[in-house]
Structure formats: C-alpha cells, structure tokens
Amino acid sequence: MQMLYNSDSFAVVQFDMVQAGSTAPSGGSGPGGTAEPALLTHGGYEIVDKFARKEVFLQGAMAESFKTGVEALIETRPSEEEIDDYIERFASLMQQPVILH
C-alpha cells in the first residue's frame, strides 16, 4: 500500500498484492535445475472523495486507464486543482461510503 496523492479533496492509494504463483521459468533455472516460482501482481487504486465521504477501488482495465491518464497528466506538471479535476472524473463511480472503525 502506498499513498500516491493527498489533497484537501481527494486521496489516492495504490495497492499491490504479490502472490507466489505456479512454478515457471523466469529466464533461467533455479538451483538444481528447478524452475523459479512466478510472481503474479494484482492490485489497484483506492480513490477517496473526502467531502462526499465516498470511495471507489479501481482494478483491472479501469486501474490501467486511471494510471495512464495520471501519467499523461504528470508530464504537463499540473497544479493540485488540475489533478483534483482529473480525479473528479471518477466521482460517479464512488458509491461506497467511507466508514471509520
């Protein structure tokens, strides 16, 4: 888990979950001629709207789309307001209320 962005309006956290997968060659063999375990990475982005107190977890194609958009935006050296405007495009997906335990 890594905090990527935190403004007065939004917070974005990246989640990477790495699992040991089936054994597969990874460009070479392990000791004794055995294959090394392949690592599978799954995860996504949690976006929290602090004012609406709602959040969404993006994964798969939606997470890749979000990442691509953010990378393109970062190249333009955006202001905090421009980043918030981009994140606000995902506000309609935020249905899960934020509840503190």
PDB file of N, CA and C in Angstrom:
ATOM      1  N   MET A   1       0.850  -1.160   0.000  1.00  0.00           N
ATOM      2  CA  MET A   1       0.000   0.000   0.000  1.00  0.00           C
ATOM      3  C   MET A   1       0.900   1.229   0.000  1.00  0.00           C
ATOM      4  N   GLN A   2       0.576   2.183  -0.893  1.00  0.00           N
ATOM      5  CA  GLN A   2       1.386   3.385  -0.996  1.00  0.00           C
ATOM      6  C   GLN A   2       0.481   4.578  -1.291  1.00  0.00           C
ATOM      7  N   MET A   3       0.576   5.624  -0.462  1.00  0.00           N
ATOM      8  CA  MET A   3      -0.178   6.854  -0.688  1.00  0.00           C
ATOM      9  C   MET A   3       0.445   7.574  -1.873  1.00  0.00           C
ATOM     10  N   LEU A   4      -0.341   7.780  -2.934  1.00  0.00           N
ATOM     11  CA  LEU A   4       0.169   8.443  -4.121  1.00  0.00           C
ATOM     12  C   LEU A   4      -0.187   9.917  -4.167  1.00  0.00           C
ATOM     13  N   TYR A   5      -1.353  10.255  -3.610  1.00  0.00           N
ATOM     14  CA  TYR A   5      -1.828  11.638  -3.706  1.00  0.00           C
ATOM     15  C   TYR A   5      -2.727  11.927  -2.517  1.00  0.00           C
ATOM     16  N   ASN A   6      -2.592  13.138  -1.971  1.00  0.00           N
ATOM     17  CA  ASN A   6      -3.411  13.530  -0.831  1.00  0.00           C
ATOM     18  C   ASN A   6      -3.609  15.038  -0.883  1.00  0.00           C
ATOM     19  N   SER A   7      -4.833  15.462  -1.205  1.00  0.00           N
ATOM     20  CA  SER A   7      -5.168  16.883  -1.224  1.00  0.00           C
ATOM     21  C   SER A   7      -6.301  17.116  -0.235  1.00  0.00           C
ATOM     22  N   ASP A   8      -6.796  18.343  -0.180  1.00  0.00           N
ATOM     23  CA  ASP A   8      -7.935  18.634   0.690  1.00  0.00           C
ATOM     24  C   ASP A   8      -9.183  17.897   0.223  1.00  0.00           C
ATOM     25  N   SER A   9      -9.257  17.566  -1.085  1.00  0.00           N
ATOM     26  CA  SER A   9     -10.457  16.949  -1.658  1.00  0.00           C
ATOM     27  C   SER A   9     -10.375  15.438  -1.821  1.00  0.00           C
ATOM     28  N   PHE A  10      -9.206  14.934  -2.216  1.00  0.00           N
ATOM     29  CA  PHE A  10      -9.081  13.525  -2.575  1.00  0.00           C
ATOM     30  C   PHE A  10      -7.825  12.896  -1.979  1.00  0.00           C
ATOM     31  N   ALA A  11      -7.888  11.576  -1.843  1.00  0.00           N
ATOM     32  CA  ALA A  11      -6.713  10.772  -1.504  1.00  0.00           C
ATOM     33  C   ALA A  11      -6.690   9.588  -2.463  1.00  0.00           C
ATOM     34  N   VAL A  12      -5.501   9.235  -2.940  1.00  0.00           N
ATOM     35  CA  VAL A  12      -5.339   8.089  -3.836  1.00  0.00           C
ATOM     36  C   VAL A  12      -4.266   7.183  -3.243  1.00  0.00           C
ATOM     37  N   VAL A  13      -4.631   5.912  -3.068  1.00  0.00           N
ATOM     38  CA  VAL A  13      -3.716   4.920  -2.515  1.00  0.00           C
ATOM     39  C   VAL A  13      -3.577   3.786  -3.523  1.00  0.00           C
ATOM     40  N   GLN A  14      -2.343   3.363  -3.767  1.00  0.00           N
ATOM     41  CA  GLN A  14      -2.080   2.237  -4.664  1.00  0.00           C
ATOM     42  C   GLN A  14      -1.886   0.986  -3.825  1.00  0.00           C
ATOM     43  N   PHE A  15      -2.552  -0.087  -4.236  1.00  0.00           N
ATOM     44  CA  PHE A  15      -2.411  -1.383  -3.576  1.00  0.00           C
ATOM     45  C   PHE A  15      -1.775  -2.349  -4.560  1.00  0.00           C
ATOM     46  N   ASP A  16      -0.679  -2.985  -4.158  1.00  0.00           N
ATOM     47  CA  ASP A  16      -0.043  -4.050  -4.931  1.00  0.00           C
ATOM     48  C   ASP A  16      -0.085  -5.305  -4.091  1.00  0.00           C
ATOM     49  N   MET A  17      -0.657  -6.349  -4.645  1.00  0.00           N
ATOM     50  CA  MET A  17      -0.706  -7.629  -3.948  1.00  0.00           C
ATOM     51  C   MET A  17       0.075  -8.629  -4.774  1.00  0.00           C
ATOM     52  N   VAL A  18       1.187  -9.101  -4.245  1.00  0.00           N
ATOM     53  CA  VAL A  18       2.037 -10.049  -4.951  1.00  0.00           C
ATOM     54  C   VAL A  18       1.819 -11.420  -4.340  1.00  0.00           C
ATOM     55  N   GLN A  19       1.519 -12.394  -5.196  1.00  0.00           N
ATOM     56  CA  GLN A  19       1.286 -13.761  -4.743  1.00  0.00           C
ATOM     57  C   GLN A  19       2.276 -14.684  -5.432  1.00  0.00           C
ATOM     58  N   ALA A  20       2.721 -15.688  -4.718  1.00  0.00           N
ATOM     59  CA  ALA A  20       3.554 -16.712  -5.341  1.00  0.00           C
ATOM     60  C   ALA A  20       2.654 -17.547  -6.232  1.00  0.00           C
ATOM     61  N   GLY A  21       3.032 -17.677  -7.494  1.00  0.00           N
ATOM     62  CA  GLY A  21       2.217 -18.439  -8.434  1.00  0.00           C
ATOM     63  C   GLY A  21       2.816 -19.795  -8.693  1.00  0.00           C
ATOM     64  N   SER A  22       2.373 -20.395  -9.744  1.00  0.00           N
ATOM     65  CA  SER A  22       2.918 -21.693 -10.121  1.00  0.00           C
ATOM     66  C   SER A  22       4.357 -21.523 -10.577  1.00  0.00           C
ATOM     67  N   THR A  23       5.103 -22.590 -10.562  1.00  0.00           N
ATOM     68  CA  THR A  23       6.494 -22.504 -10.980  1.00  0.00           C
ATOM     69  C   THR A  23       6.555 -22.360 -12.486  1.00  0.00           C
ATOM     70  N   ALA A  24       7.383 -21.427 -12.891  1.00  0.00           N
ATOM     71  CA  ALA A  24       7.566 -21.175 -14.321  1.00  0.00           C
ATOM     72  C   ALA A  24       8.972 -20.645 -14.518  1.00  0.00           C
ATOM     73  N   PRO A  25       9.573 -20.925 -15.651  1.00  0.00           N
ATOM     74  CA  PRO A  25      10.908 -20.400 -15.901  1.00  0.00           C
ATOM     75  C   PRO A  25      10.871 -18.880 -15.956  1.00  0.00           C
ATOM     76  N   SER A  26      11.856 -18.252 -15.346  1.00  0.00           N
ATOM     77  CA  SER A  26      11.915 -16.791 -15.371  1.00  0.00           C
ATOM     78  C   SER A  26      13.236 -16.353 -15.996  1.00  0.00           C
ATOM     79  N   GLY A  27      13.521 -16.902 -17.147  1.00  0.00           N
ATOM     80  CA  GLY A  27      14.746 -16.558 -17.834  1.00  0.00           C
ATOM     81  C   GLY A  27      15.922 -17.420 -17.424  1.00  0.00           C
ATOM     82  N   GLY A  28      15.719 -18.343 -16.525  1.00  0.00           N
ATOM     83  CA  GLY A  28      16.797 -19.204 -16.059  1.00  0.00           C
ATOM     84  C   GLY A  28      16.235 -20.217 -15.099  1.00  0.00           C
ATOM     85  N   SER A  29      17.051 -21.112 -14.687  1.00  0.00           N
ATOM     86  CA  SER A  29      16.602 -22.149 -13.759  1.00  0.00           C
ATOM     87  C   SER A  29      17.133 -21.866 -12.375  1.00  0.00           C
ATOM     88  N   GLY A  30      16.409 -22.350 -11.406  1.00  0.00           N
ATOM     89  CA  GLY A  30      16.843 -22.225 -10.018  1.00  0.00           C
ATOM     90  C   GLY A  30      17.886 -23.280  -9.725  1.00  0.00           C
ATOM     91  N   PRO A  31      18.303 -23.374  -8.470  1.00  0.00           N
ATOM     92  CA  PRO A  31      19.307 -24.366  -8.088  1.00  0.00           C
ATOM     93  C   PRO A  31      18.834 -25.782  -8.390  1.00  0.00           C
ATOM     94  N   GLY A  32      19.721 -26.592  -8.863  1.00  0.00           N
ATOM     95  CA  GLY A  32      19.391 -27.990  -9.149  1.00  0.00           C
ATOM     96  C   GLY A  32      18.517 -28.174 -10.376  1.00  0.00           C
ATOM     97  N   GLY A  33      18.432 -27.153 -11.237  1.00  0.00           N
ATOM     98  CA  GLY A  33      17.647 -27.280 -12.459  1.00  0.00           C
ATOM     99  C   GLY A  33      16.154 -27.090 -12.268  1.00  0.00           C
ATOM    100  N   THR A  34      15.716 -26.635 -11.104  1.00  0.00           N
ATOM    101  CA  THR A  34      14.282 -26.420 -10.886  1.00  0.00           C
ATOM    102  C   THR A  34      13.886 -25.026 -11.338  1.00  0.00           C
ATOM    103  N   ALA A  35      12.638 -24.901 -11.724  1.00  0.00           N
ATOM    104  CA  ALA A  35      12.133 -23.600 -12.151  1.00  0.00           C
ATOM    105  C   ALA A  35      11.843 -22.736 -10.933  1.00  0.00           C
ATOM    106  N   GLU A  36      12.002 -21.428 -11.094  1.00  0.00           N
ATOM    107  CA  GLU A  36      11.714 -20.495 -10.008  1.00  0.00           C
ATOM    108  C   GLU A  36      10.226 -20.160 -10.004  1.00  0.00           C
ATOM    109  N   PRO A  37       9.646 -19.889  -8.820  1.00  0.00           N
ATOM    110  CA  PRO A  37       8.227 -19.545  -8.786  1.00  0.00           C
ATOM    111  C   PRO A  37       7.967 -18.212  -9.479  1.00  0.00           C
ATOM    112  N   ALA A  38       6.888 -18.161 -10.254  1.00  0.00           N
ATOM    113  CA  ALA A  38       6.490 -16.925 -10.919  1.00  0.00           C
ATOM    114  C   ALA A  38       5.709 -16.071  -9.932  1.00  0.00           C
ATOM    115  N   LEU A  39       5.888 -14.758  -9.998  1.00  0.00           N
ATOM    116  CA  LEU A  39       5.145 -13.862  -9.127  1.00  0.00           C
ATOM    117  C   LEU A  39       4.045 -13.182  -9.932  1.00  0.00           C
ATOM    118  N   LEU A  40       2.837 -13.205  -9.415  1.00  0.00           N
ATOM    119  CA  LEU A  40       1.708 -12.559 -10.056  1.00  0.00           C
ATOM    120  C   LEU A  40       1.376 -11.304  -9.269  1.00  0.00           C
ATOM    121  N   THR A  41       1.231 -10.180  -9.955  1.00  0.00           N
ATOM    122  CA  THR A  41       0.913  -8.933  -9.285  1.00  0.00           C
ATOM    123  C   THR A  41      -0.524  -8.555  -9.590  1.00  0.00           C
ATOM    124  N   HIS A  42      -1.282  -8.321  -8.538  1.00  0.00           N
ATOM    125  CA  HIS A  42      -2.658  -7.853  -8.647  1.00  0.00           C
ATOM    126  C   HIS A  42      -2.766  -6.632  -7.757  1.00  0.00           C
ATOM    127  N   GLY A  43      -3.722  -5.802  -8.003  1.00  0.00           N
ATOM    128  CA  GLY A  43      -3.900  -4.640  -7.144  1.00  0.00           C
ATOM    129  C   GLY A  43      -4.756  -3.608  -7.825  1.00  0.00           C
ATOM    130  N   GLY A  44      -4.633  -2.398  -7.398  1.00  0.00           N
ATOM    131  CA  GLY A  44      -5.426  -1.331  -7.968  1.00  0.00           C
ATOM    132  C   GLY A  44      -5.235  -0.044  -7.191  1.00  0.00           C
ATOM    133  N   TYR A  45      -6.196   0.859  -7.375  1.00  0.00           N
ATOM    134  CA  TYR A  45      -6.139   2.171  -6.757  1.00  0.00           C
ATOM    135  C   TYR A  45      -7.426   2.433  -5.992  1.00  0.00           C
ATOM    136  N   GLU A  46      -7.286   2.901  -4.765  1.00  0.00           N
ATOM    137  CA  GLU A  46      -8.442   3.344  -3.993  1.00  0.00           C
ATOM    138  C   GLU A  46      -8.455   4.867  -4.050  1.00  0.00           C
ATOM    139  N   ILE A  47      -9.591   5.418  -4.472  1.00  0.00           N
ATOM    140  CA  ILE A  47      -9.759   6.865  -4.541  1.00  0.00           C
ATOM    141  C   ILE A  47     -10.826   7.249  -3.527  1.00  0.00           C
ATOM    142  N   VAL A  48     -10.499   8.195  -2.663  1.00  0.00           N
ATOM    143  CA  VAL A  48     -11.427   8.654  -1.629  1.00  0.00           C
ATOM    144  C   VAL A  48     -11.761  10.121  -1.877  1.00  0.00           C
ATOM    145  N   ASP A  49     -13.068  10.405  -1.964  1.00  0.00           N
ATOM    146  CA  ASP A  49     -13.561  11.781  -2.027  1.00  0.00           C
ATOM    147  C   ASP A  49     -13.815  12.206  -0.585  1.00  0.00           C
ATOM    148  N   LYS A  50     -12.999  13.091  -0.067  1.00  0.00           N
ATOM    149  CA  LYS A  50     -13.068  13.459   1.345  1.00  0.00           C
ATOM    150  C   LYS A  50     -14.330  14.245   1.692  1.00  0.00           C
ATOM    151  N   PHE A  51     -14.834  15.052   0.748  1.00  0.00           N
ATOM    152  CA  PHE A  51     -16.028  15.846   1.033  1.00  0.00           C
ATOM    153  C   PHE A  51     -17.296  15.013   0.947  1.00  0.00           C
ATOM    154  N   ALA A  52     -17.392  14.150  -0.061  1.00  0.00           N
ATOM    155  CA  ALA A  52     -18.577  13.291  -0.213  1.00  0.00           C
ATOM    156  C   ALA A  52     -18.521  12.092   0.726  1.00  0.00           C
ATOM    157  N   ARG A  53     -17.328  11.821   1.279  1.00  0.00           N
ATOM    158  CA  ARG A  53     -17.103  10.669   2.163  1.00  0.00           C
ATOM    159  C   ARG A  53     -17.482   9.361   1.469  1.00  0.00           C
ATOM    160  N   LYS A  54     -17.025   9.232   0.210  1.00  0.00           N
ATOM    161  CA  LYS A  54     -17.244   8.009  -0.565  1.00  0.00           C
ATOM    162  C   LYS A  54     -15.930   7.613  -1.210  1.00  0.00           C
ATOM    163  N   GLU A  55     -15.848   6.331  -1.600  1.00  0.00           N
ATOM    164  CA  GLU A  55     -14.620   5.838  -2.225  1.00  0.00           C
ATOM    165  C   GLU A  55     -14.944   4.808  -3.280  1.00  0.00           C
ATOM    166  N   VAL A  56     -13.930   4.547  -4.114  1.00  0.00           N
ATOM    167  CA  VAL A  56     -14.029   3.502  -5.125  1.00  0.00           C
ATOM    168  C   VAL A  56     -12.672   2.813  -5.205  1.00  0.00           C
ATOM    169  N   PHE A  57     -12.694   1.513  -5.504  1.00  0.00           N
ATOM    170  CA  PHE A  57     -11.465   0.758  -5.726  1.00  0.00           C
ATOM    171  C   PHE A  57     -11.425   0.387  -7.197  1.00  0.00           C
ATOM    172  N   LEU A  58     -10.425   0.875  -7.912  1.00  0.00           N
ATOM    173  CA  LEU A  58     -10.266   0.589  -9.336  1.00  0.00           C
ATOM    174  C   LEU A  58      -9.261  -0.534  -9.505  1.00  0.00           C
ATOM    175  N   GLN A  59      -9.617  -1.509 -10.338  1.00  0.00           N
ATOM    176  CA  GLN A  59      -8.693  -2.595 -10.650  1.00  0.00           C
ATOM    177  C   GLN A  59      -8.867  -2.984 -12.103  1.00  0.00           C
ATOM    178  N   GLY A  60      -7.963  -3.789 -12.600  1.00  0.00           N
ATOM    179  CA  GLY A  60      -8.048  -4.266 -13.975  1.00  0.00           C
ATOM    180  C   GLY A  60      -7.904  -3.143 -14.987  1.00  0.00           C
ATOM    181  N   ALA A  61      -8.742  -3.182 -16.026  1.00  0.00           N
ATOM    182  CA  ALA A  61      -8.667  -2.218 -17.122  1.00  0.00           C
ATOM    183  C   ALA A  61      -8.925  -0.792 -16.642  1.00  0.00           C
ATOM    184  N   MET A  62      -9.832  -0.632 -15.692  1.00  0.00           N
ATOM    185  CA  MET A  62     -10.128   0.703 -15.171  1.00  0.00           C
ATOM    186  C   MET A  62      -8.916   1.272 -14.438  1.00  0.00           C
ATOM    187  N   ALA A  63      -8.209   0.440 -13.694  1.00  0.00           N
ATOM    188  CA  ALA A  63      -7.000   0.885 -12.992  1.00  0.00           C
ATOM    189  C   ALA A  63      -5.910   1.268 -13.993  1.00  0.00           C
ATOM    190  N   GLU A  64      -5.772   0.491 -15.052  1.00  0.00           N
ATOM    191  CA  GLU A  64      -4.779   0.809 -16.083  1.00  0.00           C
ATOM    192  C   GLU A  64      -5.119   2.127 -16.767  1.00  0.00           C
ATOM    193  N   SER A  65      -6.399   2.355 -17.038  1.00  0.00           N
ATOM    194  CA  SER A  65      -6.841   3.605 -17.647  1.00  0.00           C
ATOM    195  C   SER A  65      -6.542   4.785 -16.727  1.00  0.00           C
ATOM    196  N   PHE A  66      -6.827   4.625 -15.442  1.00  0.00           N
ATOM    197  CA  PHE A  66      -6.538   5.674 -14.459  1.00  0.00           C
ATOM    198  C   PHE A  66      -5.035   5.971 -14.437  1.00  0.00           C
ATOM    199  N   LYS A  67      -4.219   4.927 -14.386  1.00  0.00           N
ATOM    200  CA  LYS A  67      -2.760   5.079 -14.334  1.00  0.00           C
ATOM    201  C   LYS A  67      -2.238   5.799 -15.573  1.00  0.00           C
ATOM    202  N   THR A  68      -2.731   5.409 -16.744  1.00  0.00           N
ATOM    203  CA  THR A  68      -2.303   6.033 -17.997  1.00  0.00           C
ATOM    204  C   THR A  68      -2.663   7.513 -18.015  1.00  0.00           C
ATOM    205  N   GLY A  69      -3.877   7.825 -17.567  1.00  0.00           N
ATOM    206  CA  GLY A  69      -4.311   9.220 -17.516  1.00  0.00           C
ATOM    207  C   GLY A  69      -3.482  10.053 -16.560  1.00  0.00           C
ATOM    208  N   VAL A  70      -3.166   9.498 -15.404  1.00  0.00           N
ATOM    209  CA  VAL A  70      -2.354  10.215 -14.416  1.00  0.00           C
ATOM    210  C   VAL A  70      -0.945  10.432 -14.962  1.00  0.00           C
ATOM    211  N   GLU A  71      -0.368   9.422 -15.596  1.00  0.00           N
ATOM    212  CA  GLU A  71       0.981   9.563 -16.149  1.00  0.00           C
ATOM    213  C   GLU A  71       1.025  10.657 -17.208  1.00  0.00           C
ATOM    214  N   ALA A  72      -0.007  10.722 -18.069  1.00  0.00           N
ATOM    215  CA  ALA A  72      -0.067  11.770 -19.092  1.00  0.00           C
ATOM    216  C   ALA A  72      -0.227  13.143 -18.441  1.00  0.00           C
ATOM    217  N   LEU A  73      -1.026  13.212 -17.401  1.00  0.00           N
ATOM    218  CA  LEU A  73      -1.244  14.476 -16.696  1.00  0.00           C
ATOM    219  C   LEU A  73       0.034  14.954 -16.015  1.00  0.00           C
ATOM    220  N   ILE A  74       0.772  14.050 -15.405  1.00  0.00           N
ATOM    221  CA  ILE A  74       2.002  14.401 -14.687  1.00  0.00           C
ATOM    222  C   ILE A  74       3.035  15.020 -15.629  1.00  0.00           C
ATOM    223  N   GLU A  75       3.052  14.583 -16.877  1.00  0.00           N
ATOM    224  CA  GLU A  75       4.007  15.130 -17.850  1.00  0.00           C
ATOM    225  C   GLU A  75       3.798  16.621 -18.085  1.00  0.00           C
ATOM    226  N   THR A  76       2.585  17.127 -17.818  1.00  0.00           N
ATOM    227  CA  THR A  76       2.279  18.543 -18.037  1.00  0.00           C
ATOM    228  C   THR A  76       2.553  19.399 -16.804  1.00  0.00           C
ATOM    229  N   ARG A  77       3.071  18.792 -15.733  1.00  0.00           N
ATOM    230  CA  ARG A  77       3.350  19.486 -14.474  1.00  0.00           C
ATOM    231  C   ARG A  77       2.102  20.213 -13.980  1.00  0.00           C
ATOM    232  N   PRO A  78       1.055  19.456 -13.659  1.00  0.00           N
ATOM    233  CA  PRO A  78      -0.236  20.063 -13.310  1.00  0.00           C
ATOM    234  C   PRO A  78      -0.252  20.677 -11.905  1.00  0.00           C
ATOM    235  N   SER A  79      -1.212  21.566 -11.717  1.00  0.00           N
ATOM    236  CA  SER A  79      -1.447  22.118 -10.383  1.00  0.00           C
ATOM    237  C   SER A  79      -2.296  21.124  -9.594  1.00  0.00           C
ATOM    238  N   GLU A  80      -2.424  21.349  -8.295  1.00  0.00           N
ATOM    239  CA  GLU A  80      -3.262  20.484  -7.467  1.00  0.00           C
ATOM    240  C   GLU A  80      -4.707  20.510  -7.971  1.00  0.00           C
ATOM    241  N   GLU A  81      -5.163  21.673  -8.405  1.00  0.00           N
ATOM    242  CA  GLU A  81      -6.531  21.805  -8.917  1.00  0.00           C
ATOM    243  C   GLU A  81      -6.738  20.955 -10.174  1.00  0.00           C
ATOM    244  N   GLU A  82      -5.753  20.921 -11.060  1.00  0.00           N
ATOM    245  CA  GLU A  82      -5.864  20.113 -12.277  1.00  0.00           C
ATOM    246  C   GLU A  82      -5.879  18.621 -11.952  1.00  0.00           C
ATOM    247  N   ILE A  83      -5.098  18.212 -10.970  1.00  0.00           N
ATOM    248  CA  ILE A  83      -5.107  16.805 -10.560  1.00  0.00           C
ATOM    249  C   ILE A  83      -6.458  16.460  -9.947  1.00  0.00           C
ATOM    250  N   ASP A  84      -6.969  17.342  -9.079  1.00  0.00           N
ATOM    251  CA  ASP A  84      -8.287  17.114  -8.484  1.00  0.00           C
ATOM    252  C   ASP A  84      -9.374  17.038  -9.557  1.00  0.00           C
ATOM    253  N   ASP A  85      -9.278  17.884 -10.585  1.00  0.00           N
ATOM    254  CA  ASP A  85     -10.260  17.849 -11.677  1.00  0.00           C
ATOM    255  C   ASP A  85     -10.226  16.507 -12.399  1.00  0.00           C
ATOM    256  N   TYR A  86      -9.021  15.967 -12.608  1.00  0.00           N
ATOM    257  CA  TYR A  86      -8.914  14.655 -13.256  1.00  0.00           C
ATOM    258  C   TYR A  86      -9.531  13.570 -12.375  1.00  0.00           C
ATOM    259  N   ILE A  87      -9.204  13.575 -11.105  1.00  0.00           N
ATOM    260  CA  ILE A  87      -9.730  12.557 -10.188  1.00  0.00           C
ATOM    261  C   ILE A  87     -11.244  12.670 -10.069  1.00  0.00           C
ATOM    262  N   GLU A  88     -11.761  13.886 -10.136  1.00  0.00           N
ATOM    263  CA  GLU A  88     -13.204  14.107 -10.010  1.00  0.00           C
ATOM    264  C   GLU A  88     -13.987  13.411 -11.127  1.00  0.00           C
ATOM    265  N   ARG A  89     -13.344  13.112 -12.232  1.00  0.00           N
ATOM    266  CA  ARG A  89     -13.998  12.367 -13.321  1.00  0.00           C
ATOM    267  C   ARG A  89     -14.470  10.987 -12.864  1.00  0.00           C
ATOM    268  N   PHE A  90     -13.868  10.475 -11.806  1.00  0.00           N
ATOM    269  CA  PHE A  90     -14.214   9.150 -11.292  1.00  0.00           C
ATOM    270  C   PHE A  90     -15.237   9.222 -10.157  1.00  0.00           C
ATOM    271  N   ALA A  91     -15.714  10.423  -9.845  1.00  0.00           N
ATOM    272  CA  ALA A  91     -16.636  10.610  -8.719  1.00  0.00           C
ATOM    273  C   ALA A  91     -17.938   9.840  -8.899  1.00  0.00           C
ATOM    274  N   SER A  92     -18.413   9.704 -10.126  1.00  0.00           N
ATOM    275  CA  SER A  92     -19.678   8.986 -10.346  1.00  0.00           C
ATOM    276  C   SER A  92     -19.561   7.504 -10.002  1.00  0.00           C
ATOM    277  N   LEU A  93     -18.348   6.979  -9.951  1.00  0.00           N
ATOM    278  CA  LEU A  93     -18.134   5.576  -9.600  1.00  0.00           C
ATOM    279  C   LEU A  93     -18.084   5.360  -8.091  1.00  0.00           C
ATOM    280  N   MET A  94     -17.945   6.434  -7.347  1.00  0.00           N
ATOM    281  CA  MET A  94     -17.781   6.328  -5.894  1.00  0.00           C
ATOM    282  C   MET A  94     -19.131   6.119  -5.223  1.00  0.00           C
ATOM    283  N   GLN A  95     -19.414   4.874  -4.885  1.00  0.00           N
ATOM    284  CA  GLN A  95     -20.674   4.523  -4.242  1.00  0.00           C
ATOM    285  C   GLN A  95     -20.488   4.037  -2.810  1.00  0.00           C
ATOM    286  N   GLN A  96     -19.287   3.584  -2.499  1.00  0.00           N
ATOM    287  CA  GLN A  96     -19.012   3.007  -1.180  1.00  0.00           C
ATOM    288  C   GLN A  96     -18.776   4.118  -0.164  1.00  0.00           C
ATOM    289  N   PRO A  97     -19.592   4.196   0.898  1.00  0.00           N
ATOM    290  CA  PRO A  97     -19.348   5.226   1.909  1.00  0.00           C
ATOM    291  C   PRO A  97     -18.079   4.924   2.711  1.00  0.00           C
ATOM    292  N   VAL A  98     -17.391   5.980   3.097  1.00  0.00           N
ATOM    293  CA  VAL A  98     -16.207   5.838   3.935  1.00  0.00           C
ATOM    294  C   VAL A  98     -16.680   5.783   5.384  1.00  0.00           C
ATOM    295  N   ILE A  99     -16.358   4.686   6.058  1.00  0.00           N
ATOM    296  CA  ILE A  99     -16.770   4.479   7.443  1.00  0.00           C
ATOM    297  C   ILE A  99     -15.529   4.218   8.279  1.00  0.00           C
ATOM    298  N   LEU A 100     -15.384   4.945   9.350  1.00  0.00           N
ATOM    299  CA  LEU A 100     -14.245   4.742  10.249  1.00  0.00           C
ATOM    300  C   LEU A 100     -14.625   3.746  11.320  1.00  0.00           C
ATOM    301  N   HIS A 101     -13.716   2.850  11.638  1.00  0.00           N
ATOM    302  CA  HIS A 101     -13.958   1.844  12.677  1.00  0.00           C
ATOM    303  C   HIS A 101     -13.209   2.206  13.923  1.00  0.00           C
TER     304      HIS A 101
END
